[in-house]
Amino acid sequence: ILYEGTGSEQYISNVGLNLDVDNGGDGGLVWVKNRTTGSRDNILTDSVRGEALYVESNTTDAEQSGSSHIKNLEANGFIVGTNNTVNTNGDDYVGWVWRGGGDATSNTNGTNITSQVSVNAAAGFSIVKYTGTGVVSDTVGHGLSNAELIFLRSLDGTYNWRAWNQDFPANSWAYLDRSNTPVTSDDNGGIRNVDADTFGFINGAVDISAVNNSGDR
């Protein structure tokens, strides 16, 4: 959806999806970018982590909270606050919206990790949240029958986003927020062993804190 900023809190409606899981909606993911000022951050909010919590796809910042960004997910859209990344008066914005699968449910397909997933199987889309164990051999259930693309980041740490694609060479991944070609090693771990139900981790030279740090989300 395209919209123009007002500088005042506004409801971006007519999205065509019910994102309000508290009122029977499907939930989902909203990604907003300022089109006028290219240096503004990309803001991502989803129904599994909760409203007013956001991460930035172009930075290594940990998860942040703030009702001045994407404040609420609603029955036909979302409400943006007054922050300039989502609602500067007169600036143009784009919002990408993915339909989820309702409230998150527990997924026990992983080894020693129970994930929380909201799955839209028809669209091949899922939102996955889990708490790390610190064990490189553990795996995470993603809720899909066949994963083709995974974006992964630590909500508590300040690490680059990991991005895995089914067409990458074996045991390799890329970075969403960097310009590197696919890599097979990193100080803090990566993604590998993606199958029909789960994905796993590659040990880093130092640890696996970017993808499965013990106790981190």
C-alpha atoms as a PDB file:
ATOM      1  CA  ILE A   1       0.000   0.000   0.000  1.00  0.00           C
ATOM      2  CA  LEU A   2       1.180   3.556  -0.763  1.00  0.00           C
ATOM      3  CA  TYR A   3       0.383   6.486   1.538  1.00  0.00           C
ATOM      4  CA  GLU A   4       1.444  10.048   2.306  1.00  0.00           C
ATOM      5  CA  GLY A   5       2.655  11.098   5.732  1.00  0.00           C
ATOM      6  CA  THR A   6       0.712  13.666   7.748  1.00  0.00           C
ATOM      7  CA  GLY A   7       2.907  14.136  10.819  1.00  0.00           C
ATOM      8  CA  SER A   8      -0.096  13.156  12.948  1.00  0.00           C
ATOM      9  CA  GLU A   9      -1.144   9.667  13.942  1.00  0.00           C
ATOM     10  CA  GLN A  10      -3.101   8.123  11.075  1.00  0.00           C
ATOM     11  CA  TYR A  11      -4.908   4.915  10.155  1.00  0.00           C
ATOM     12  CA  ILE A  12      -3.560   3.343   6.958  1.00  0.00           C
ATOM     13  CA  SER A  13      -6.718   1.550   5.882  1.00  0.00           C
ATOM     14  CA  ASN A  14      -8.005  -0.358   2.858  1.00  0.00           C
ATOM     15  CA  VAL A  15      -5.141  -2.833   3.082  1.00  0.00           C
ATOM     16  CA  GLY A  16      -7.642  -5.641   2.509  1.00  0.00           C
ATOM     17  CA  LEU A  17      -6.314  -7.863   5.302  1.00  0.00           C
ATOM     18  CA  ASN A  18      -7.554  -8.276   8.878  1.00  0.00           C
ATOM     19  CA  LEU A  19      -4.369  -7.966  10.940  1.00  0.00           C
ATOM     20  CA  ASP A  20      -6.094  -7.733  14.338  1.00  0.00           C
ATOM     21  CA  VAL A  21      -5.647 -11.168  15.960  1.00  0.00           C
ATOM     22  CA  ASP A  22      -7.381  -9.951  19.126  1.00  0.00           C
ATOM     23  CA  ASN A  23     -10.585  -9.676  17.101  1.00  0.00           C
ATOM     24  CA  GLY A  24     -10.380 -12.834  15.033  1.00  0.00           C
ATOM     25  CA  GLY A  25      -7.998 -11.547  12.392  1.00  0.00           C
ATOM     26  CA  ASP A  26      -5.135 -13.361  10.687  1.00  0.00           C
ATOM     27  CA  GLY A  27      -2.338 -11.141  11.955  1.00  0.00           C
ATOM     28  CA  GLY A  28       0.744 -10.813   9.823  1.00  0.00           C
ATOM     29  CA  LEU A  29       3.783  -8.678   9.080  1.00  0.00           C
ATOM     30  CA  VAL A  30       3.935  -4.975   8.147  1.00  0.00           C
ATOM     31  CA  TRP A  31       7.103  -3.476   6.619  1.00  0.00           C
ATOM     32  CA  VAL A  32       7.166   0.319   6.066  1.00  0.00           C
ATOM     33  CA  LYS A  33       9.726   2.452   4.197  1.00  0.00           C
ATOM     34  CA  ASN A  34       9.951   6.194   3.565  1.00  0.00           C
ATOM     35  CA  ARG A  35      10.190   6.678  -0.225  1.00  0.00           C
ATOM     36  CA  THR A  36      11.012  10.404  -0.122  1.00  0.00           C
ATOM     37  CA  THR A  37      13.976  10.305   2.262  1.00  0.00           C
ATOM     38  CA  GLY A  38      16.002   7.216   1.412  1.00  0.00           C
ATOM     39  CA  SER A  39      18.130   7.332   4.561  1.00  0.00           C
ATOM     40  CA  ARG A  40      15.147   6.559   6.837  1.00  0.00           C
ATOM     41  CA  ASP A  41      15.147   3.093   8.402  1.00  0.00           C
ATOM     42  CA  ASN A  42      12.949   0.188   7.300  1.00  0.00           C
ATOM     43  CA  ILE A  43      10.429  -0.564  10.088  1.00  0.00           C
ATOM     44  CA  LEU A  44       9.039  -4.095  10.589  1.00  0.00           C
ATOM     45  CA  THR A  45       6.243  -5.012  13.014  1.00  0.00           C
ATOM     46  CA  ASP A  46       4.368  -8.302  13.271  1.00  0.00           C
ATOM     47  CA  SER A  47       1.528  -9.869  15.221  1.00  0.00           C
ATOM     48  CA  VAL A  48       3.662 -12.622  16.818  1.00  0.00           C
ATOM     49  CA  ARG A  49       6.111 -10.274  18.569  1.00  0.00           C
ATOM     50  CA  GLY A  50       3.361  -7.755  19.326  1.00  0.00           C
ATOM     51  CA  GLU A  51       2.207  -4.310  18.310  1.00  0.00           C
ATOM     52  CA  ALA A  52       4.502  -1.306  18.807  1.00  0.00           C
ATOM     53  CA  LEU A  53       7.551  -3.612  18.799  1.00  0.00           C
ATOM     54  CA  TYR A  54       9.728  -3.211  15.734  1.00  0.00           C
ATOM     55  CA  VAL A  55      13.017  -4.191  14.139  1.00  0.00           C
ATOM     56  CA  GLU A  56      14.897  -2.483  11.315  1.00  0.00           C
ATOM     57  CA  SER A  57      15.952  -4.538   8.298  1.00  0.00           C
ATOM     58  CA  ASN A  58      18.824  -2.181   7.437  1.00  0.00           C
ATOM     59  CA  THR A  59      20.494  -2.029  10.883  1.00  0.00           C
ATOM     60  CA  THR A  60      21.892  -4.371  13.546  1.00  0.00           C
ATOM     61  CA  ASP A  61      19.838  -2.735  16.308  1.00  0.00           C
ATOM     62  CA  ALA A  62      18.014  -5.040  18.721  1.00  0.00           C
ATOM     63  CA  GLU A  63      14.222  -5.023  18.877  1.00  0.00           C
ATOM     64  CA  GLN A  64      12.800  -1.679  19.982  1.00  0.00           C
ATOM     65  CA  SER A  65       9.430  -0.490  21.238  1.00  0.00           C
ATOM     66  CA  GLY A  66       7.612   2.722  20.459  1.00  0.00           C
ATOM     67  CA  SER A  67       4.037   3.677  19.695  1.00  0.00           C
ATOM     68  CA  SER A  68       5.301   6.484  17.445  1.00  0.00           C
ATOM     69  CA  HIS A  69       6.178   3.898  14.785  1.00  0.00           C
ATOM     70  CA  ILE A  70       3.664   1.188  13.773  1.00  0.00           C
ATOM     71  CA  LYS A  71       1.302   1.534  16.705  1.00  0.00           C
ATOM     72  CA  ASN A  72      -1.487  -0.967  16.045  1.00  0.00           C
ATOM     73  CA  LEU A  73      -2.464  -3.727  13.622  1.00  0.00           C
ATOM     74  CA  GLU A  74      -6.132  -3.288  12.767  1.00  0.00           C
ATOM     75  CA  ALA A  75      -9.037  -5.042  11.024  1.00  0.00           C
ATOM     76  CA  ASN A  76      -8.309  -3.379   7.688  1.00  0.00           C
ATOM     77  CA  GLY A  77      -4.824  -1.981   8.020  1.00  0.00           C
ATOM     78  CA  PHE A  78      -2.486  -0.465  10.585  1.00  0.00           C
ATOM     79  CA  ILE A  79      -1.995   2.736  12.575  1.00  0.00           C
ATOM     80  CA  VAL A  80       1.254   4.702  12.283  1.00  0.00           C
ATOM     81  CA  GLY A  81       2.482   7.184  14.870  1.00  0.00           C
ATOM     82  CA  THR A  82       4.400  10.398  14.320  1.00  0.00           C
ATOM     83  CA  ASN A  83       7.971   9.148  13.866  1.00  0.00           C
ATOM     84  CA  ASN A  84       9.623  10.352  10.657  1.00  0.00           C
ATOM     85  CA  THR A  85      10.450   6.805   9.568  1.00  0.00           C
ATOM     86  CA  VAL A  86       6.724   6.093   9.079  1.00  0.00           C
ATOM     87  CA  ASN A  87       4.822   9.394   8.957  1.00  0.00           C
ATOM     88  CA  THR A  88       6.654  12.636   8.084  1.00  0.00           C
ATOM     89  CA  ASN A  89       4.224  15.269   6.828  1.00  0.00           C
ATOM     90  CA  GLY A  90       4.251  15.313   3.020  1.00  0.00           C
ATOM     91  CA  ASP A  91       6.637  12.366   2.577  1.00  0.00           C
ATOM     92  CA  ASP A  92       5.665   9.334   0.505  1.00  0.00           C
ATOM     93  CA  TYR A  93       5.678   5.835   2.020  1.00  0.00           C
ATOM     94  CA  VAL A  94       5.243   2.235   0.955  1.00  0.00           C
ATOM     95  CA  GLY A  95       3.939  -0.519   3.207  1.00  0.00           C
ATOM     96  CA  TRP A  96       4.302  -4.212   2.369  1.00  0.00           C
ATOM     97  CA  VAL A  97       1.815  -6.421   4.220  1.00  0.00           C
ATOM     98  CA  TRP A  98       1.797 -10.217   4.554  1.00  0.00           C
ATOM     99  CA  ARG A  99      -1.207 -12.138   5.906  1.00  0.00           C
ATOM    100  CA  GLY A 100      -0.408 -14.409   8.847  1.00  0.00           C
ATOM    101  CA  GLY A 101      -2.262 -17.413  10.206  1.00  0.00           C
ATOM    102  CA  GLY A 102      -3.923 -16.017  13.326  1.00  0.00           C
ATOM    103  CA  ASP A 103      -2.601 -16.263  16.866  1.00  0.00           C
ATOM    104  CA  ALA A 104       0.795 -17.922  17.228  1.00  0.00           C
ATOM    105  CA  THR A 105       0.760 -21.597  18.179  1.00  0.00           C
ATOM    106  CA  SER A 106       3.485 -23.880  19.521  1.00  0.00           C
ATOM    107  CA  ASN A 107       5.529 -25.852  16.997  1.00  0.00           C
ATOM    108  CA  THR A 108       7.468 -28.836  18.361  1.00  0.00           C
ATOM    109  CA  ASN A 109       9.074 -30.042  15.112  1.00  0.00           C
ATOM    110  CA  GLY A 110      12.408 -28.611  16.174  1.00  0.00           C
ATOM    111  CA  THR A 111      15.016 -30.421  18.243  1.00  0.00           C
ATOM    112  CA  ASN A 112      14.950 -29.088  21.837  1.00  0.00           C
ATOM    113  CA  ILE A 113      13.362 -25.803  20.676  1.00  0.00           C
ATOM    114  CA  THR A 114       9.626 -25.132  20.717  1.00  0.00           C
ATOM    115  CA  SER A 115       8.901 -22.238  18.393  1.00  0.00           C
ATOM    116  CA  GLN A 116       5.863 -19.972  18.236  1.00  0.00           C
ATOM    117  CA  VAL A 117       4.506 -19.735  14.703  1.00  0.00           C
ATOM    118  CA  SER A 118       1.738 -17.981  12.794  1.00  0.00           C
ATOM    119  CA  VAL A 119       1.442 -19.841   9.494  1.00  0.00           C
ATOM    120  CA  ASN A 120      -0.377 -18.937   6.287  1.00  0.00           C
ATOM    121  CA  ALA A 121       0.214 -22.227   4.489  1.00  0.00           C
ATOM    122  CA  ALA A 122      -1.705 -21.215   1.357  1.00  0.00           C
ATOM    123  CA  ALA A 123       0.670 -18.292   0.797  1.00  0.00           C
ATOM    124  CA  GLY A 124       3.789 -20.156   1.934  1.00  0.00           C
ATOM    125  CA  PHE A 125       4.419 -17.570   4.652  1.00  0.00           C
ATOM    126  CA  SER A 126       5.137 -17.923   8.368  1.00  0.00           C
ATOM    127  CA  ILE A 127       6.361 -15.809  11.267  1.00  0.00           C
ATOM    128  CA  VAL A 128       8.557 -17.771  13.678  1.00  0.00           C
ATOM    129  CA  LYS A 129       9.768 -16.786  17.145  1.00  0.00           C
ATOM    130  CA  TYR A 130      11.937 -18.905  19.429  1.00  0.00           C
ATOM    131  CA  THR A 131      14.268 -18.690  22.424  1.00  0.00           C
ATOM    132  CA  GLY A 132      17.833 -19.796  21.821  1.00  0.00           C
ATOM    133  CA  THR A 133      19.472 -22.762  23.528  1.00  0.00           C
ATOM    134  CA  GLY A 134      23.121 -22.179  22.624  1.00  0.00           C
ATOM    135  CA  VAL A 135      23.354 -25.660  21.051  1.00  0.00           C
ATOM    136  CA  VAL A 136      24.463 -25.760  17.409  1.00  0.00           C
ATOM    137  CA  SER A 137      22.770 -29.106  16.693  1.00  0.00           C
ATOM    138  CA  ASP A 138      19.303 -27.912  17.779  1.00  0.00           C
ATOM    139  CA  THR A 139      16.709 -27.046  15.135  1.00  0.00           C
ATOM    140  CA  VAL A 140      13.633 -24.803  14.857  1.00  0.00           C
ATOM    141  CA  GLY A 141      10.231 -25.659  13.387  1.00  0.00           C
ATOM    142  CA  HIS A 142       9.140 -23.109  10.775  1.00  0.00           C
ATOM    143  CA  GLY A 143       5.573 -24.330  10.201  1.00  0.00           C
ATOM    144  CA  LEU A 144       5.754 -24.662   6.410  1.00  0.00           C
ATOM    145  CA  SER A 145       5.859 -27.738   4.206  1.00  0.00           C
ATOM    146  CA  ASN A 146       8.754 -26.322   2.198  1.00  0.00           C
ATOM    147  CA  ALA A 147      10.829 -23.273   3.162  1.00  0.00           C
ATOM    148  CA  GLU A 148      12.351 -21.370   0.230  1.00  0.00           C
ATOM    149  CA  LEU A 149      13.515 -18.137   1.915  1.00  0.00           C
ATOM    150  CA  ILE A 150      14.332 -17.324   5.550  1.00  0.00           C
ATOM    151  CA  PHE A 151      15.151 -13.968   7.136  1.00  0.00           C
ATOM    152  CA  LEU A 152      16.516 -14.409  10.667  1.00  0.00           C
ATOM    153  CA  ARG A 153      17.738 -11.963  13.279  1.00  0.00           C
ATOM    154  CA  SER A 154      18.351 -11.864  17.031  1.00  0.00           C
ATOM    155  CA  LEU A 155      15.811  -9.662  18.823  1.00  0.00           C
ATOM    156  CA  ASP A 156      18.110  -9.180  21.817  1.00  0.00           C
ATOM    157  CA  GLY A 157      21.559  -8.965  20.207  1.00  0.00           C
ATOM    158  CA  THR A 158      23.086  -6.537  17.728  1.00  0.00           C
ATOM    159  CA  TYR A 159      23.972  -8.828  14.834  1.00  0.00           C
ATOM    160  CA  ASN A 160      23.474  -8.708  11.081  1.00  0.00           C
ATOM    161  CA  TRP A 161      20.329 -10.251   9.646  1.00  0.00           C
ATOM    162  CA  ARG A 162      20.863 -13.746   8.233  1.00  0.00           C
ATOM    163  CA  ALA A 163      19.140 -14.538   4.922  1.00  0.00           C
ATOM    164  CA  TRP A 164      18.909 -18.073   3.514  1.00  0.00           C
ATOM    165  CA  ASN A 165      17.611 -19.015   0.064  1.00  0.00           C
ATOM    166  CA  GLN A 166      17.012 -22.495  -1.313  1.00  0.00           C
ATOM    167  CA  ASP A 167      19.211 -21.739  -4.356  1.00  0.00           C
ATOM    168  CA  PHE A 168      22.277 -20.765  -2.335  1.00  0.00           C
ATOM    169  CA  PRO A 169      25.192 -23.252  -2.262  1.00  0.00           C
ATOM    170  CA  ALA A 170      24.978 -25.856   0.504  1.00  0.00           C
ATOM    171  CA  ASN A 171      25.652 -24.593   4.041  1.00  0.00           C
ATOM    172  CA  SER A 172      25.741 -20.947   3.016  1.00  0.00           C
ATOM    173  CA  TRP A 173      23.676 -17.860   3.730  1.00  0.00           C
ATOM    174  CA  ALA A 174      23.781 -14.116   3.033  1.00  0.00           C
ATOM    175  CA  TYR A 175      23.089 -10.924   4.998  1.00  0.00           C
ATOM    176  CA  LEU A 176      19.956  -8.883   4.496  1.00  0.00           C
ATOM    177  CA  ASP A 177      21.638  -5.698   5.737  1.00  0.00           C
ATOM    178  CA  ARG A 178      25.021  -6.099   4.002  1.00  0.00           C
ATOM    179  CA  SER A 179      26.202  -6.347   0.386  1.00  0.00           C
ATOM    180  CA  ASN A 180      28.174  -9.597   0.770  1.00  0.00           C
ATOM    181  CA  THR A 181      27.736 -12.522  -1.577  1.00  0.00           C
ATOM    182  CA  PRO A 182      26.665 -15.761   0.220  1.00  0.00           C
ATOM    183  CA  VAL A 183      29.121 -16.897   2.891  1.00  0.00           C
ATOM    184  CA  THR A 184      29.822 -20.179   4.686  1.00  0.00           C
ATOM    185  CA  SER A 185      31.319 -18.844   7.919  1.00  0.00           C
ATOM    186  CA  ASP A 186      30.897 -16.030  10.424  1.00  0.00           C
ATOM    187  CA  ASP A 187      32.138 -15.320  13.935  1.00  0.00           C
ATOM    188  CA  ASN A 188      28.607 -15.680  15.318  1.00  0.00           C
ATOM    189  CA  GLY A 189      26.973 -18.455  13.290  1.00  0.00           C
ATOM    190  CA  GLY A 190      24.567 -18.868  10.413  1.00  0.00           C
ATOM    191  CA  ILE A 191      21.707 -20.915   8.921  1.00  0.00           C
ATOM    192  CA  ARG A 192      21.895 -24.409   7.437  1.00  0.00           C
ATOM    193  CA  ASN A 193      20.075 -27.765   7.281  1.00  0.00           C
ATOM    194  CA  VAL A 194      16.767 -26.293   6.127  1.00  0.00           C
ATOM    195  CA  ASP A 195      14.252 -29.056   5.439  1.00  0.00           C
ATOM    196  CA  ALA A 196      10.500 -29.503   5.103  1.00  0.00           C
ATOM    197  CA  ASP A 197       9.830 -28.836   8.793  1.00  0.00           C
ATOM    198  CA  THR A 198      12.848 -27.149  10.391  1.00  0.00           C
ATOM    199  CA  PHE A 199      16.005 -25.117   9.984  1.00  0.00           C
ATOM    200  CA  GLY A 200      19.313 -25.394  11.826  1.00  0.00           C
ATOM    201  CA  PHE A 201      22.539 -23.538  12.530  1.00  0.00           C
ATOM    202  CA  ILE A 202      26.187 -23.348  11.508  1.00  0.00           C
ATOM    203  CA  ASN A 203      28.728 -22.887  14.278  1.00  0.00           C
ATOM    204  CA  GLY A 204      30.651 -19.619  14.143  1.00  0.00           C
ATOM    205  CA  ALA A 205      34.346 -19.078  14.787  1.00  0.00           C
ATOM    206  CA  VAL A 206      33.408 -17.573  18.164  1.00  0.00           C
ATOM    207  CA  ASP A 207      29.875 -18.804  18.960  1.00  0.00           C
ATOM    208  CA  ILE A 208      26.331 -18.987  17.536  1.00  0.00           C
ATOM    209  CA  SER A 209      25.027 -15.920  19.349  1.00  0.00           C
ATOM    210  CA  ALA A 210      23.595 -14.325  16.197  1.00  0.00           C
ATOM    211  CA  VAL A 211      21.228 -17.245  15.564  1.00  0.00           C
ATOM    212  CA  ASN A 212      20.850 -19.339  18.739  1.00  0.00           C
ATOM    213  CA  ASN A 213      22.325 -17.625  21.796  1.00  0.00           C
ATOM    214  CA  SER A 214      21.131 -19.229  25.001  1.00  0.00           C
ATOM    215  CA  GLY A 215      18.168 -17.326  26.433  1.00  0.00           C
ATOM    216  CA  ASP A 216      17.986 -14.785  23.617  1.00  0.00           C
ATOM    217  CA  ARG A 217      14.894 -14.365  21.480  1.00  0.00           C
END
